[in-house]
Amino acid sequence: MGQQLWDHLLMPVLFIVAIVLPLIIAVAMFVYWERKVIGWMHVRMGPNKVGPLGLLQAFADVVKLLIKEVILPTNANKFLYYLAPMLALVPALAAWAVVPFGPETVLANVNAGVLYLLAMTSMGVYGIILAGWSSNSRYAMLGAMRAAAQVISYELSMGMSIVCVLVLTGSLNLTAIVNGQSGNFFDWYWLPLLPVFVIYFVSGVAETNRAPFDVAEGESEIVAGFHVEYSGSAFAIFFLAEYANMILVSFLTSILFMGGWLSPFPESWGVIGHGGFHWLFIKAFIFAFLFLWFRASFPRYRYDQIMRLGWKVFIPITIVWVLVAGCMKYFGWVHIGTGA
């Protein structure tokens, strides 16, 4: 009885805490790093007052948000108003259940891991729509409608990009996808799937409503978009969900196209040739840095440009590349690792 309790209840809870707690701290550090990087790019200092090197600035912001009052707008739908932030956050955290951090390090090593990921990441849009509708605000409603159309459009191109990976691997298991890339740097899927690799990451930027695709939160047009009527802890939950999704997209791009925890160097090179979580972290950190670089570098797209890019450029390319990936697999033009 005691062993069953440990295996089926306590162990999964410990695994969940071991994933969620570092993720929340990573979000705080990511916000700090974003403000520092963009500060350097703008020839500014960034956070430098709260704590050594300004490291505690993000935690000070969290405390400020938690002690602020959550104001319910007049005539707002109270139940949906408070439900929306949770609908945005819960899928962003639940998706991590199937993300492998190593060959044996994963909370749920399920065979349909990719399907689970697609289901979880597509649920976040409901939180955005309900936040806009329940706030009884025209600005919030406009932001919600923009976000819904944008997220659905770019989910299609992300999904088709993942189909290309599935065609080469022949498995929906994320660990098998990484093992299918075993070999050297040029055996990873970024090379045979280069166009969809770029499309997947750019679509991930659009999916998370980040610059230059942040028309759902366009300050110059609709104040702050779908969460304009939110304050305090409710706004903090939306903030946490957005940055958790950014980190998730960075990890998934590394796993699907860049070999996950595999080393880019041959095993004969000694220590640096062995795979491990540190390689996955380095790759995810590079992709997360690109989110910040894009924000500091590019102006915001017009809404019609965003829709045209998604529907007339990305989706046709991914559909064609599914056929190309099928030919690569059938004729043996691409290396598939032994673990696939």
C-alpha atoms as a PDB file:
ATOM      1  CA  MET A   1       0.000   0.000   0.000  1.00  0.00           C
ATOM      2  CA  GLY A   2       2.784   2.396   0.958  1.00  0.00           C
ATOM      3  CA  GLN A   3       4.714   1.617  -2.222  1.00  0.00           C
ATOM      4  CA  GLN A   4       1.612   2.175  -4.377  1.00  0.00           C
ATOM      5  CA  LEU A   5       0.962   5.503  -2.660  1.00  0.00           C
ATOM      6  CA  TRP A   6       4.542   6.565  -3.395  1.00  0.00           C
ATOM      7  CA  ASP A   7       4.487   5.384  -7.030  1.00  0.00           C
ATOM      8  CA  HIS A   8       1.059   6.687  -8.027  1.00  0.00           C
ATOM      9  CA  LEU A   9       0.658   9.855  -5.931  1.00  0.00           C
ATOM     10  CA  LEU A  10       3.746  11.200  -4.164  1.00  0.00           C
ATOM     11  CA  MET A  11       6.272  10.603  -6.961  1.00  0.00           C
ATOM     12  CA  PRO A  12       4.173  12.318  -9.678  1.00  0.00           C
ATOM     13  CA  VAL A  13       3.521  15.269  -7.331  1.00  0.00           C
ATOM     14  CA  LEU A  14       7.262  15.616  -6.676  1.00  0.00           C
ATOM     15  CA  PHE A  15       7.944  15.484 -10.423  1.00  0.00           C
ATOM     16  CA  ILE A  16       5.321  18.195 -11.051  1.00  0.00           C
ATOM     17  CA  VAL A  17       6.823  20.445  -8.359  1.00  0.00           C
ATOM     18  CA  ALA A  18      10.310  19.786  -9.774  1.00  0.00           C
ATOM     19  CA  ILE A  19       9.104  21.092 -13.167  1.00  0.00           C
ATOM     20  CA  VAL A  20       6.729  23.927 -12.185  1.00  0.00           C
ATOM     21  CA  LEU A  21       8.859  25.553  -9.470  1.00  0.00           C
ATOM     22  CA  PRO A  22      12.002  25.963 -11.638  1.00  0.00           C
ATOM     23  CA  LEU A  23       9.754  27.100 -14.510  1.00  0.00           C
ATOM     24  CA  ILE A  24       8.267  29.926 -12.407  1.00  0.00           C
ATOM     25  CA  ILE A  25      11.763  30.989 -11.291  1.00  0.00           C
ATOM     26  CA  ALA A  26      12.925  30.750 -14.926  1.00  0.00           C
ATOM     27  CA  VAL A  27      10.091  33.095 -15.960  1.00  0.00           C
ATOM     28  CA  ALA A  28      11.237  35.650 -13.361  1.00  0.00           C
ATOM     29  CA  MET A  29      14.837  35.381 -14.558  1.00  0.00           C
ATOM     30  CA  PHE A  30      13.705  35.536 -18.194  1.00  0.00           C
ATOM     31  CA  VAL A  31      11.897  38.828 -17.537  1.00  0.00           C
ATOM     32  CA  TYR A  32      15.058  40.184 -15.876  1.00  0.00           C
ATOM     33  CA  TRP A  33      17.217  38.977 -18.793  1.00  0.00           C
ATOM     34  CA  GLU A  34      14.818  40.514 -21.313  1.00  0.00           C
ATOM     35  CA  ARG A  35      14.990  43.918 -19.646  1.00  0.00           C
ATOM     36  CA  LYS A  36      18.786  43.682 -19.436  1.00  0.00           C
ATOM     37  CA  VAL A  37      19.274  42.591 -23.055  1.00  0.00           C
ATOM     38  CA  ILE A  38      16.918  45.194 -24.496  1.00  0.00           C
ATOM     39  CA  GLY A  39      18.557  47.784 -22.251  1.00  0.00           C
ATOM     40  CA  TRP A  40      21.993  46.904 -23.665  1.00  0.00           C
ATOM     41  CA  MET A  41      20.629  47.025 -27.219  1.00  0.00           C
ATOM     42  CA  HIS A  42      19.218  50.490 -26.503  1.00  0.00           C
ATOM     43  CA  VAL A  43      22.440  51.576 -24.753  1.00  0.00           C
ATOM     44  CA  ARG A  44      20.735  51.623 -21.353  1.00  0.00           C
ATOM     45  CA  MET A  45      21.536  49.925 -18.039  1.00  0.00           C
ATOM     46  CA  GLY A  46      18.359  47.917 -17.503  1.00  0.00           C
ATOM     47  CA  PRO A  47      17.442  46.796 -13.940  1.00  0.00           C
ATOM     48  CA  ASN A  48      20.347  47.551 -11.584  1.00  0.00           C
ATOM     49  CA  LYS A  49      18.914  48.782  -8.276  1.00  0.00           C
ATOM     50  CA  VAL A  50      16.968  45.966  -6.581  1.00  0.00           C
ATOM     51  CA  GLY A  51      19.392  43.324  -5.330  1.00  0.00           C
ATOM     52  CA  PRO A  52      22.884  42.582  -6.682  1.00  0.00           C
ATOM     53  CA  LEU A  53      23.012  43.509 -10.405  1.00  0.00           C
ATOM     54  CA  GLY A  54      19.247  44.097 -10.236  1.00  0.00           C
ATOM     55  CA  LEU A  55      18.567  40.349  -9.952  1.00  0.00           C
ATOM     56  CA  LEU A  56      15.698  40.815  -7.503  1.00  0.00           C
ATOM     57  CA  GLN A  57      13.811  43.292  -9.711  1.00  0.00           C
ATOM     58  CA  ALA A  58      11.537  40.605 -11.195  1.00  0.00           C
ATOM     59  CA  PHE A  59      10.663  39.284  -7.714  1.00  0.00           C
ATOM     60  CA  ALA A  60       9.912  42.833  -6.544  1.00  0.00           C
ATOM     61  CA  ASP A  61       7.543  43.197  -9.508  1.00  0.00           C
ATOM     62  CA  VAL A  62       5.795  39.943  -8.535  1.00  0.00           C
ATOM     63  CA  VAL A  63       5.283  41.155  -4.950  1.00  0.00           C
ATOM     64  CA  LYS A  64       3.912  44.463  -6.249  1.00  0.00           C
ATOM     65  CA  LEU A  65       1.413  42.690  -8.519  1.00  0.00           C
ATOM     66  CA  LEU A  66       0.288  40.269  -5.799  1.00  0.00           C
ATOM     67  CA  ILE A  67      -0.546  43.021  -3.303  1.00  0.00           C
ATOM     68  CA  LYS A  68      -2.405  45.194  -5.827  1.00  0.00           C
ATOM     69  CA  GLU A  69      -6.201  45.087  -5.858  1.00  0.00           C
ATOM     70  CA  VAL A  70      -7.940  43.109  -8.622  1.00  0.00           C
ATOM     71  CA  ILE A  71     -10.666  45.477  -9.849  1.00  0.00           C
ATOM     72  CA  LEU A  72     -13.722  43.886 -11.465  1.00  0.00           C
ATOM     73  CA  PRO A  73     -15.098  46.098 -14.280  1.00  0.00           C
ATOM     74  CA  THR A  74     -18.735  47.200 -14.140  1.00  0.00           C
ATOM     75  CA  ASN A  75     -21.109  44.724 -15.826  1.00  0.00           C
ATOM     76  CA  ALA A  76     -18.284  42.216 -16.345  1.00  0.00           C
ATOM     77  CA  ASN A  77     -19.031  38.497 -16.189  1.00  0.00           C
ATOM     78  CA  LYS A  78     -17.439  37.731 -12.822  1.00  0.00           C
ATOM     79  CA  PHE A  79     -17.078  33.964 -13.247  1.00  0.00           C
ATOM     80  CA  LEU A  80     -15.502  34.125 -16.718  1.00  0.00           C
ATOM     81  CA  TYR A  81     -13.405  37.167 -15.767  1.00  0.00           C
ATOM     82  CA  TYR A  82     -11.629  35.161 -13.053  1.00  0.00           C
ATOM     83  CA  LEU A  83     -11.635  31.903 -15.052  1.00  0.00           C
ATOM     84  CA  ALA A  84      -9.848  33.366 -18.099  1.00  0.00           C
ATOM     85  CA  PRO A  85      -6.369  33.792 -16.511  1.00  0.00           C
ATOM     86  CA  MET A  86      -6.453  30.182 -15.294  1.00  0.00           C
ATOM     87  CA  LEU A  87      -7.475  28.945 -18.754  1.00  0.00           C
ATOM     88  CA  ALA A  88      -4.403  30.716 -20.126  1.00  0.00           C
ATOM     89  CA  LEU A  89      -1.999  29.446 -17.441  1.00  0.00           C
ATOM     90  CA  VAL A  90      -3.043  25.815 -16.867  1.00  0.00           C
ATOM     91  CA  PRO A  91      -2.404  24.606 -20.479  1.00  0.00           C
ATOM     92  CA  ALA A  92       0.929  26.490 -20.510  1.00  0.00           C
ATOM     93  CA  LEU A  93       2.040  24.490 -17.450  1.00  0.00           C
ATOM     94  CA  ALA A  94       0.320  21.188 -18.335  1.00  0.00           C
ATOM     95  CA  ALA A  95       2.155  20.978 -21.674  1.00  0.00           C
ATOM     96  CA  TRP A  96       5.438  20.420 -19.804  1.00  0.00           C
ATOM     97  CA  ALA A  97       4.240  16.978 -18.675  1.00  0.00           C
ATOM     98  CA  VAL A  98       5.477  15.341 -21.903  1.00  0.00           C
ATOM     99  CA  VAL A  99       8.597  17.457 -22.534  1.00  0.00           C
ATOM    100  CA  PRO A 100      11.698  15.227 -22.164  1.00  0.00           C
ATOM    101  CA  PHE A 101      14.763  16.768 -20.518  1.00  0.00           C
ATOM    102  CA  GLY A 102      16.914  13.678 -21.080  1.00  0.00           C
ATOM    103  CA  PRO A 103      16.711  10.059 -22.297  1.00  0.00           C
ATOM    104  CA  GLU A 104      14.933   8.973 -19.091  1.00  0.00           C
ATOM    105  CA  THR A 105      13.954  12.350 -17.626  1.00  0.00           C
ATOM    106  CA  VAL A 106      10.322  13.043 -18.466  1.00  0.00           C
ATOM    107  CA  LEU A 107       7.171  13.218 -16.338  1.00  0.00           C
ATOM    108  CA  ALA A 108       4.996  11.251 -18.796  1.00  0.00           C
ATOM    109  CA  ASN A 109       6.784   9.434 -21.629  1.00  0.00           C
ATOM    110  CA  VAL A 110       3.567   8.834 -23.591  1.00  0.00           C
ATOM    111  CA  ASN A 111       3.500   7.622 -27.192  1.00  0.00           C
ATOM    112  CA  ALA A 112       1.029  10.342 -28.229  1.00  0.00           C
ATOM    113  CA  GLY A 113       3.090  13.133 -26.677  1.00  0.00           C
ATOM    114  CA  VAL A 114       2.919  15.375 -29.746  1.00  0.00           C
ATOM    115  CA  LEU A 115      -0.893  15.103 -29.890  1.00  0.00           C
ATOM    116  CA  TYR A 116      -1.074  15.997 -26.197  1.00  0.00           C
ATOM    117  CA  LEU A 117       1.152  19.011 -26.819  1.00  0.00           C
ATOM    118  CA  LEU A 118      -0.984  20.236 -29.711  1.00  0.00           C
ATOM    119  CA  ALA A 119      -4.130  19.836 -27.582  1.00  0.00           C
ATOM    120  CA  MET A 120      -2.699  21.730 -24.614  1.00  0.00           C
ATOM    121  CA  THR A 121      -1.150  24.595 -26.570  1.00  0.00           C
ATOM    122  CA  SER A 122      -4.352  25.152 -28.553  1.00  0.00           C
ATOM    123  CA  MET A 123      -6.417  25.609 -25.359  1.00  0.00           C
ATOM    124  CA  GLY A 124      -4.641  28.803 -24.305  1.00  0.00           C
ATOM    125  CA  VAL A 125      -6.610  30.850 -26.850  1.00  0.00           C
ATOM    126  CA  TYR A 126      -9.814  30.226 -24.874  1.00  0.00           C
ATOM    127  CA  GLY A 127      -8.375  32.161 -21.952  1.00  0.00           C
ATOM    128  CA  ILE A 128      -7.603  35.095 -24.257  1.00  0.00           C
ATOM    129  CA  ILE A 129     -11.071  35.109 -25.850  1.00  0.00           C
ATOM    130  CA  LEU A 130     -12.885  34.853 -22.507  1.00  0.00           C
ATOM    131  CA  ALA A 131     -10.693  37.597 -21.009  1.00  0.00           C
ATOM    132  CA  GLY A 132     -11.673  39.954 -23.811  1.00  0.00           C
ATOM    133  CA  TRP A 133     -15.361  39.077 -23.818  1.00  0.00           C
ATOM    134  CA  SER A 134     -15.923  38.982 -20.036  1.00  0.00           C
ATOM    135  CA  SER A 135     -14.226  42.359 -19.398  1.00  0.00           C
ATOM    136  CA  ASN A 136     -17.101  44.334 -20.993  1.00  0.00           C
ATOM    137  CA  SER A 137     -14.567  46.515 -22.845  1.00  0.00           C
ATOM    138  CA  ARG A 138     -14.360  47.229 -26.577  1.00  0.00           C
ATOM    139  CA  TYR A 139     -10.569  47.455 -26.513  1.00  0.00           C
ATOM    140  CA  ALA A 140     -10.317  44.078 -24.747  1.00  0.00           C
ATOM    141  CA  MET A 141     -12.771  42.513 -27.192  1.00  0.00           C
ATOM    142  CA  LEU A 142     -10.815  43.793 -30.216  1.00  0.00           C
ATOM    143  CA  GLY A 143      -7.597  42.392 -28.749  1.00  0.00           C
ATOM    144  CA  ALA A 144      -9.263  39.037 -28.083  1.00  0.00           C
ATOM    145  CA  MET A 145     -10.596  38.762 -31.636  1.00  0.00           C
ATOM    146  CA  ARG A 146      -7.211  39.641 -33.101  1.00  0.00           C
ATOM    147  CA  ALA A 147      -5.477  37.130 -30.854  1.00  0.00           C
ATOM    148  CA  ALA A 148      -7.948  34.334 -31.667  1.00  0.00           C
ATOM    149  CA  ALA A 149      -7.537  34.737 -35.432  1.00  0.00           C
ATOM    150  CA  GLN A 150      -3.756  35.049 -35.146  1.00  0.00           C
ATOM    151  CA  VAL A 151      -3.251  32.054 -32.838  1.00  0.00           C
ATOM    152  CA  ILE A 152      -5.485  29.777 -34.926  1.00  0.00           C
ATOM    153  CA  SER A 153      -3.736  30.860 -38.158  1.00  0.00           C
ATOM    154  CA  TYR A 154      -0.231  30.166 -36.881  1.00  0.00           C
ATOM    155  CA  GLU A 155      -1.235  26.962 -35.090  1.00  0.00           C
ATOM    156  CA  LEU A 156      -1.912  25.512 -38.531  1.00  0.00           C
ATOM    157  CA  SER A 157       1.594  26.243 -39.796  1.00  0.00           C
ATOM    158  CA  MET A 158       3.118  24.964 -36.527  1.00  0.00           C
ATOM    159  CA  GLY A 159       1.071  21.783 -36.779  1.00  0.00           C
ATOM    160  CA  MET A 160       2.086  21.174 -40.395  1.00  0.00           C
ATOM    161  CA  SER A 161       5.734  21.774 -39.457  1.00  0.00           C
ATOM    162  CA  ILE A 162       5.442  19.110 -36.755  1.00  0.00           C
ATOM    163  CA  VAL A 163       3.880  16.731 -39.319  1.00  0.00           C
ATOM    164  CA  CYS A 164       7.126  16.980 -41.331  1.00  0.00           C
ATOM    165  CA  VAL A 165       9.061  15.849 -38.236  1.00  0.00           C
ATOM    166  CA  LEU A 166       6.595  13.003 -37.650  1.00  0.00           C
ATOM    167  CA  VAL A 167       6.969  11.836 -41.267  1.00  0.00           C
ATOM    168  CA  LEU A 168      10.747  11.493 -40.835  1.00  0.00           C
ATOM    169  CA  THR A 169      10.607   9.948 -37.354  1.00  0.00           C
ATOM    170  CA  GLY A 170       7.504   7.768 -37.639  1.00  0.00           C
ATOM    171  CA  SER A 171       6.597   8.379 -33.999  1.00  0.00           C
ATOM    172  CA  LEU A 172       4.530  10.777 -31.875  1.00  0.00           C
ATOM    173  CA  ASN A 173       6.850  10.220 -28.903  1.00  0.00           C
ATOM    174  CA  LEU A 174       9.127  13.197 -28.211  1.00  0.00           C
ATOM    175  CA  THR A 175      11.937  11.010 -26.850  1.00  0.00           C
ATOM    176  CA  ALA A 176      11.837   8.936 -30.054  1.00  0.00           C
ATOM    177  CA  ILE A 177      11.982  12.158 -32.090  1.00  0.00           C
ATOM    178  CA  VAL A 178      15.208  13.164 -30.327  1.00  0.00           C
ATOM    179  CA  ASN A 179      16.677   9.659 -30.692  1.00  0.00           C
ATOM    180  CA  GLY A 180      15.836   9.806 -34.397  1.00  0.00           C
ATOM    181  CA  GLN A 181      18.292  12.688 -34.709  1.00  0.00           C
ATOM    182  CA  SER A 182      21.204  10.772 -33.167  1.00  0.00           C
ATOM    183  CA  GLY A 183      24.450  11.357 -34.994  1.00  0.00           C
ATOM    184  CA  ASN A 184      26.210  14.658 -35.528  1.00  0.00           C
ATOM    185  CA  PHE A 185      25.058  18.258 -35.972  1.00  0.00           C
ATOM    186  CA  PHE A 186      24.174  17.717 -39.631  1.00  0.00           C
ATOM    187  CA  ASP A 187      21.989  14.691 -38.836  1.00  0.00           C
ATOM    188  CA  TRP A 188      19.520  16.805 -36.876  1.00  0.00           C
ATOM    189  CA  TYR A 189      16.228  17.690 -38.559  1.00  0.00           C
ATOM    190  CA  TRP A 190      17.039  21.398 -38.949  1.00  0.00           C
ATOM    191  CA  LEU A 191      18.911  20.658 -42.177  1.00  0.00           C
ATOM    192  CA  PRO A 192      16.452  18.525 -44.209  1.00  0.00           C
ATOM    193  CA  LEU A 193      13.529  20.528 -42.770  1.00  0.00           C
ATOM    194  CA  LEU A 194      15.198  23.948 -42.879  1.00  0.00           C
ATOM    195  CA  PRO A 195      12.193  25.927 -44.251  1.00  0.00           C
ATOM    196  CA  VAL A 196       9.728  24.400 -41.767  1.00  0.00           C
ATOM    197  CA  PHE A 197      12.270  24.786 -38.952  1.00  0.00           C
ATOM    198  CA  VAL A 198      12.274  28.549 -39.567  1.00  0.00           C
ATOM    199  CA  ILE A 199       8.483  28.585 -40.039  1.00  0.00           C
ATOM    200  CA  TYR A 200       7.926  26.655 -36.793  1.00  0.00           C
ATOM    201  CA  PHE A 201       9.948  29.070 -34.687  1.00  0.00           C
ATOM    202  CA  VAL A 202       8.529  32.224 -36.305  1.00  0.00           C
ATOM    203  CA  SER A 203       5.025  30.785 -35.894  1.00  0.00           C
ATOM    204  CA  GLY A 204       5.879  30.152 -32.246  1.00  0.00           C
ATOM    205  CA  VAL A 205       6.731  33.834 -31.865  1.00  0.00           C
ATOM    206  CA  ALA A 206       3.351  34.726 -33.411  1.00  0.00           C
ATOM    207  CA  GLU A 207       1.560  32.083 -31.322  1.00  0.00           C
ATOM    208  CA  THR A 208       2.795  33.673 -28.092  1.00  0.00           C
ATOM    209  CA  ASN A 209       1.723  37.170 -29.261  1.00  0.00           C
ATOM    210  CA  ARG A 210       5.280  38.485 -29.076  1.00  0.00           C
ATOM    211  CA  ALA A 211       6.795  41.340 -31.086  1.00  0.00           C
ATOM    212  CA  PRO A 212       6.659  41.846 -34.029  1.00  0.00           C
ATOM    213  CA  PHE A 213       3.356  39.906 -33.955  1.00  0.00           C
ATOM    214  CA  ASP A 214       1.945  41.538 -30.802  1.00  0.00           C
ATOM    215  CA  VAL A 215      -1.079  43.219 -32.423  1.00  0.00           C
ATOM    216  CA  ALA A 216      -3.280  41.577 -29.764  1.00  0.00           C
ATOM    217  CA  GLU A 217      -1.583  43.890 -27.255  1.00  0.00           C
ATOM    218  CA  GLY A 218      -0.906  46.841 -29.571  1.00  0.00           C
ATOM    219  CA  GLU A 219      -0.384  49.721 -27.123  1.00  0.00           C
ATOM    220  CA  SER A 220      -0.657  52.362 -29.836  1.00  0.00           C
ATOM    221  CA  GLU A 221      -4.009  51.000 -31.085  1.00  0.00           C
ATOM    222  CA  ILE A 222      -5.976  49.168 -28.386  1.00  0.00           C
ATOM    223  CA  VAL A 223      -4.220  50.194 -25.130  1.00  0.00           C
ATOM    224  CA  ALA A 224      -3.174  46.731 -23.876  1.00  0.00           C
ATOM    225  CA  GLY A 225      -5.431  44.343 -25.732  1.00  0.00           C
ATOM    226  CA  PHE A 226      -7.335  41.483 -24.154  1.00  0.00           C
ATOM    227  CA  HIS A 227      -5.967  42.032 -20.610  1.00  0.00           C
ATOM    228  CA  VAL A 228      -6.464  45.811 -20.510  1.00  0.00           C
ATOM    229  CA  GLU A 229      -9.040  45.470 -17.692  1.00  0.00           C
ATOM    230  CA  TYR A 230      -6.895  43.127 -15.581  1.00  0.00           C
ATOM    231  CA  SER A 231      -4.699  44.178 -12.677  1.00  0.00           C
ATOM    232  CA  GLY A 232      -2.852  42.652  -9.747  1.00  0.00           C
ATOM    233  CA  SER A 233      -2.530  38.873  -9.486  1.00  0.00           C
ATOM    234  CA  ALA A 234      -4.918  38.231 -12.418  1.00  0.00           C
ATOM    235  CA  PHE A 235      -2.644  40.216 -14.753  1.00  0.00           C
ATOM    236  CA  ALA A 236       0.391  38.445 -13.257  1.00  0.00           C
ATOM    237  CA  ILE A 237      -1.115  35.070 -14.276  1.00  0.00           C
ATOM    238  CA  PHE A 238      -1.451  36.203 -17.913  1.00  0.00           C
ATOM    239  CA  PHE A 239       2.145  37.456 -17.732  1.00  0.00           C
ATOM    240  CA  LEU A 240       3.343  34.108 -16.343  1.00  0.00           C
ATOM    241  CA  ALA A 241       1.459  32.165 -19.036  1.00  0.00           C
ATOM    242  CA  GLU A 242       2.981  34.238 -21.860  1.00  0.00           C
ATOM    243  CA  TYR A 243       6.564  33.784 -20.692  1.00  0.00           C
ATOM    244  CA  ALA A 244       6.040  30.091 -19.832  1.00  0.00           C
ATOM    245  CA  ASN A 245       4.814  29.597 -23.412  1.00  0.00           C
ATOM    246  CA  MET A 246       7.885  31.383 -24.774  1.00  0.00           C
ATOM    247  CA  ILE A 247      10.162  29.039 -22.831  1.00  0.00           C
ATOM    248  CA  LEU A 248       8.058  26.053 -23.984  1.00  0.00           C
ATOM    249  CA  VAL A 249       8.390  27.046 -27.669  1.00  0.00           C
ATOM    250  CA  SER A 250      12.170  27.403 -27.189  1.00  0.00           C
ATOM    251  CA  PHE A 251      12.431  23.899 -25.701  1.00  0.00           C
ATOM    252  CA  LEU A 252      10.156  22.331 -28.326  1.00  0.00           C
ATOM    253  CA  THR A 253      12.121  23.903 -31.191  1.00  0.00           C
ATOM    254  CA  SER A 254      15.299  22.447 -29.677  1.00  0.00           C
ATOM    255  CA  ILE A 255      13.709  19.006 -29.275  1.00  0.00           C
ATOM    256  CA  LEU A 256      11.989  18.775 -32.667  1.00  0.00           C
ATOM    257  CA  PHE A 257      14.695  20.243 -34.901  1.00  0.00           C
ATOM    258  CA  MET A 258      17.981  20.666 -32.991  1.00  0.00           C
ATOM    259  CA  GLY A 259      18.565  17.268 -31.416  1.00  0.00           C
ATOM    260  CA  GLY A 260      17.222  17.991 -27.931  1.00  0.00           C
ATOM    261  CA  TRP A 261      19.784  16.908 -25.348  1.00  0.00           C
ATOM    262  CA  LEU A 262      22.173  15.470 -27.976  1.00  0.00           C
ATOM    263  CA  SER A 263      25.627  16.975 -28.319  1.00  0.00           C
ATOM    264  CA  PRO A 264      26.590  18.636 -31.629  1.00  0.00           C
ATOM    265  CA  PHE A 265      30.068  17.091 -31.321  1.00  0.00           C
ATOM    266  CA  PRO A 266      31.116  13.458 -31.948  1.00  0.00           C
ATOM    267  CA  GLU A 267      31.327  11.180 -28.903  1.00  0.00           C
ATOM    268  CA  SER A 268      35.018  10.691 -29.637  1.00  0.00           C
ATOM    269  CA  TRP A 269      35.589  14.279 -28.467  1.00  0.00           C
ATOM    270  CA  GLY A 270      35.240  13.230 -24.847  1.00  0.00           C
ATOM    271  CA  VAL A 271      33.104  15.106 -22.330  1.00  0.00           C
ATOM    272  CA  ILE A 272      31.648  17.669 -24.759  1.00  0.00           C
ATOM    273  CA  GLY A 273      30.611  14.835 -27.081  1.00  0.00           C
ATOM    274  CA  HIS A 274      28.216  13.363 -24.525  1.00  0.00           C
ATOM    275  CA  GLY A 275      24.581  14.466 -24.485  1.00  0.00           C
ATOM    276  CA  GLY A 276      22.755  15.803 -21.461  1.00  0.00           C
ATOM    277  CA  PHE A 277      20.307  18.385 -20.167  1.00  0.00           C
ATOM    278  CA  HIS A 278      22.949  21.107 -20.423  1.00  0.00           C
ATOM    279  CA  TRP A 279      22.856  20.872 -24.235  1.00  0.00           C
ATOM    280  CA  LEU A 280      19.070  21.149 -24.266  1.00  0.00           C
ATOM    281  CA  PHE A 281      19.279  24.175 -21.957  1.00  0.00           C
ATOM    282  CA  ILE A 282      21.904  25.895 -24.148  1.00  0.00           C
ATOM    283  CA  LYS A 283      19.822  25.398 -27.308  1.00  0.00           C
ATOM    284  CA  ALA A 284      16.604  26.576 -25.602  1.00  0.00           C
ATOM    285  CA  PHE A 285      18.445  29.602 -24.190  1.00  0.00           C
ATOM    286  CA  ILE A 286      19.561  30.604 -27.703  1.00  0.00           C
ATOM    287  CA  PHE A 287      15.993  30.400 -29.048  1.00  0.00           C
ATOM    288  CA  ALA A 288      14.659  32.292 -26.019  1.00  0.00           C
ATOM    289  CA  PHE A 289      17.259  34.988 -26.691  1.00  0.00           C
ATOM    290  CA  LEU A 290      15.906  35.312 -30.247  1.00  0.00           C
ATOM    291  CA  PHE A 291      12.500  36.263 -28.804  1.00  0.00           C
ATOM    292  CA  LEU A 292      14.178  39.224 -27.100  1.00  0.00           C
ATOM    293  CA  TRP A 293      16.265  40.119 -30.144  1.00  0.00           C
ATOM    294  CA  PHE A 294      13.147  40.228 -32.333  1.00  0.00           C
ATOM    295  CA  ARG A 295      11.372  42.490 -29.865  1.00  0.00           C
ATOM    296  CA  ALA A 296      14.233  44.980 -29.806  1.00  0.00           C
ATOM    297  CA  SER A 297      14.814  44.919 -33.575  1.00  0.00           C
ATOM    298  CA  PHE A 298      11.573  44.746 -35.568  1.00  0.00           C
ATOM    299  CA  PRO A 299       8.589  47.115 -35.758  1.00  0.00           C
ATOM    300  CA  ARG A 300       5.106  45.691 -35.298  1.00  0.00           C
ATOM    301  CA  TYR A 301       3.465  44.119 -38.349  1.00  0.00           C
ATOM    302  CA  ARG A 302       0.137  45.405 -39.620  1.00  0.00           C
ATOM    303  CA  TYR A 303      -2.665  42.942 -38.951  1.00  0.00           C
ATOM    304  CA  ASP A 304      -3.264  42.210 -42.645  1.00  0.00           C
ATOM    305  CA  GLN A 305       0.471  41.502 -43.083  1.00  0.00           C
ATOM    306  CA  ILE A 306       0.370  38.974 -40.245  1.00  0.00           C
ATOM    307  CA  MET A 307      -2.614  37.166 -41.748  1.00  0.00           C
ATOM    308  CA  ARG A 308      -1.073  37.162 -45.235  1.00  0.00           C
ATOM    309  CA  LEU A 309       2.223  35.768 -43.936  1.00  0.00           C
ATOM    310  CA  GLY A 310       0.448  32.941 -42.113  1.00  0.00           C
ATOM    311  CA  TRP A 311      -2.101  31.904 -44.747  1.00  0.00           C
ATOM    312  CA  LYS A 312      -0.380  32.730 -48.065  1.00  0.00           C
ATOM    313  CA  VAL A 313       3.274  32.011 -47.234  1.00  0.00           C
ATOM    314  CA  PHE A 314       3.766  29.695 -44.249  1.00  0.00           C
ATOM    315  CA  ILE A 315       0.910  27.215 -44.736  1.00  0.00           C
ATOM    316  CA  PRO A 316       1.577  26.563 -48.483  1.00  0.00           C
ATOM    317  CA  ILE A 317       5.318  26.032 -47.806  1.00  0.00           C
ATOM    318  CA  THR A 318       4.640  23.576 -44.970  1.00  0.00           C
ATOM    319  CA  ILE A 319       2.145  21.608 -47.080  1.00  0.00           C
ATOM    320  CA  VAL A 320       4.695  21.274 -49.892  1.00  0.00           C
ATOM    321  CA  TRP A 321       7.416  20.288 -47.410  1.00  0.00           C
ATOM    322  CA  VAL A 322       5.265  17.483 -46.004  1.00  0.00           C
ATOM    323  CA  LEU A 323       5.467  15.930 -49.499  1.00  0.00           C
ATOM    324  CA  VAL A 324       9.218  16.636 -49.640  1.00  0.00           C
ATOM    325  CA  ALA A 325       9.707  14.990 -46.225  1.00  0.00           C
ATOM    326  CA  GLY A 326       7.724  11.969 -47.444  1.00  0.00           C
ATOM    327  CA  CYS A 327      10.020  11.644 -50.457  1.00  0.00           C
ATOM    328  CA  MET A 328      13.099  11.972 -48.224  1.00  0.00           C
ATOM    329  CA  LYS A 329      11.812   9.187 -45.991  1.00  0.00           C
ATOM    330  CA  TYR A 330      10.722   6.890 -48.833  1.00  0.00           C
ATOM    331  CA  PHE A 331      13.912   7.198 -50.901  1.00  0.00           C
ATOM    332  CA  GLY A 332      16.237   7.243 -47.881  1.00  0.00           C
ATOM    333  CA  TRP A 333      17.671  10.686 -48.618  1.00  0.00           C
ATOM    334  CA  VAL A 334      17.883  11.643 -44.942  1.00  0.00           C
ATOM    335  CA  HIS A 335      19.642  10.011 -41.974  1.00  0.00           C
ATOM    336  CA  ILE A 336      17.282   8.627 -39.323  1.00  0.00           C
ATOM    337  CA  GLY A 337      18.878   7.657 -36.008  1.00  0.00           C
ATOM    338  CA  THR A 338      18.606   4.186 -34.542  1.00  0.00           C
ATOM    339  CA  GLY A 339      16.367   5.343 -31.694  1.00  0.00           C
ATOM    340  CA  ALA A 340      13.448   6.340 -33.943  1.00  0.00           C
END
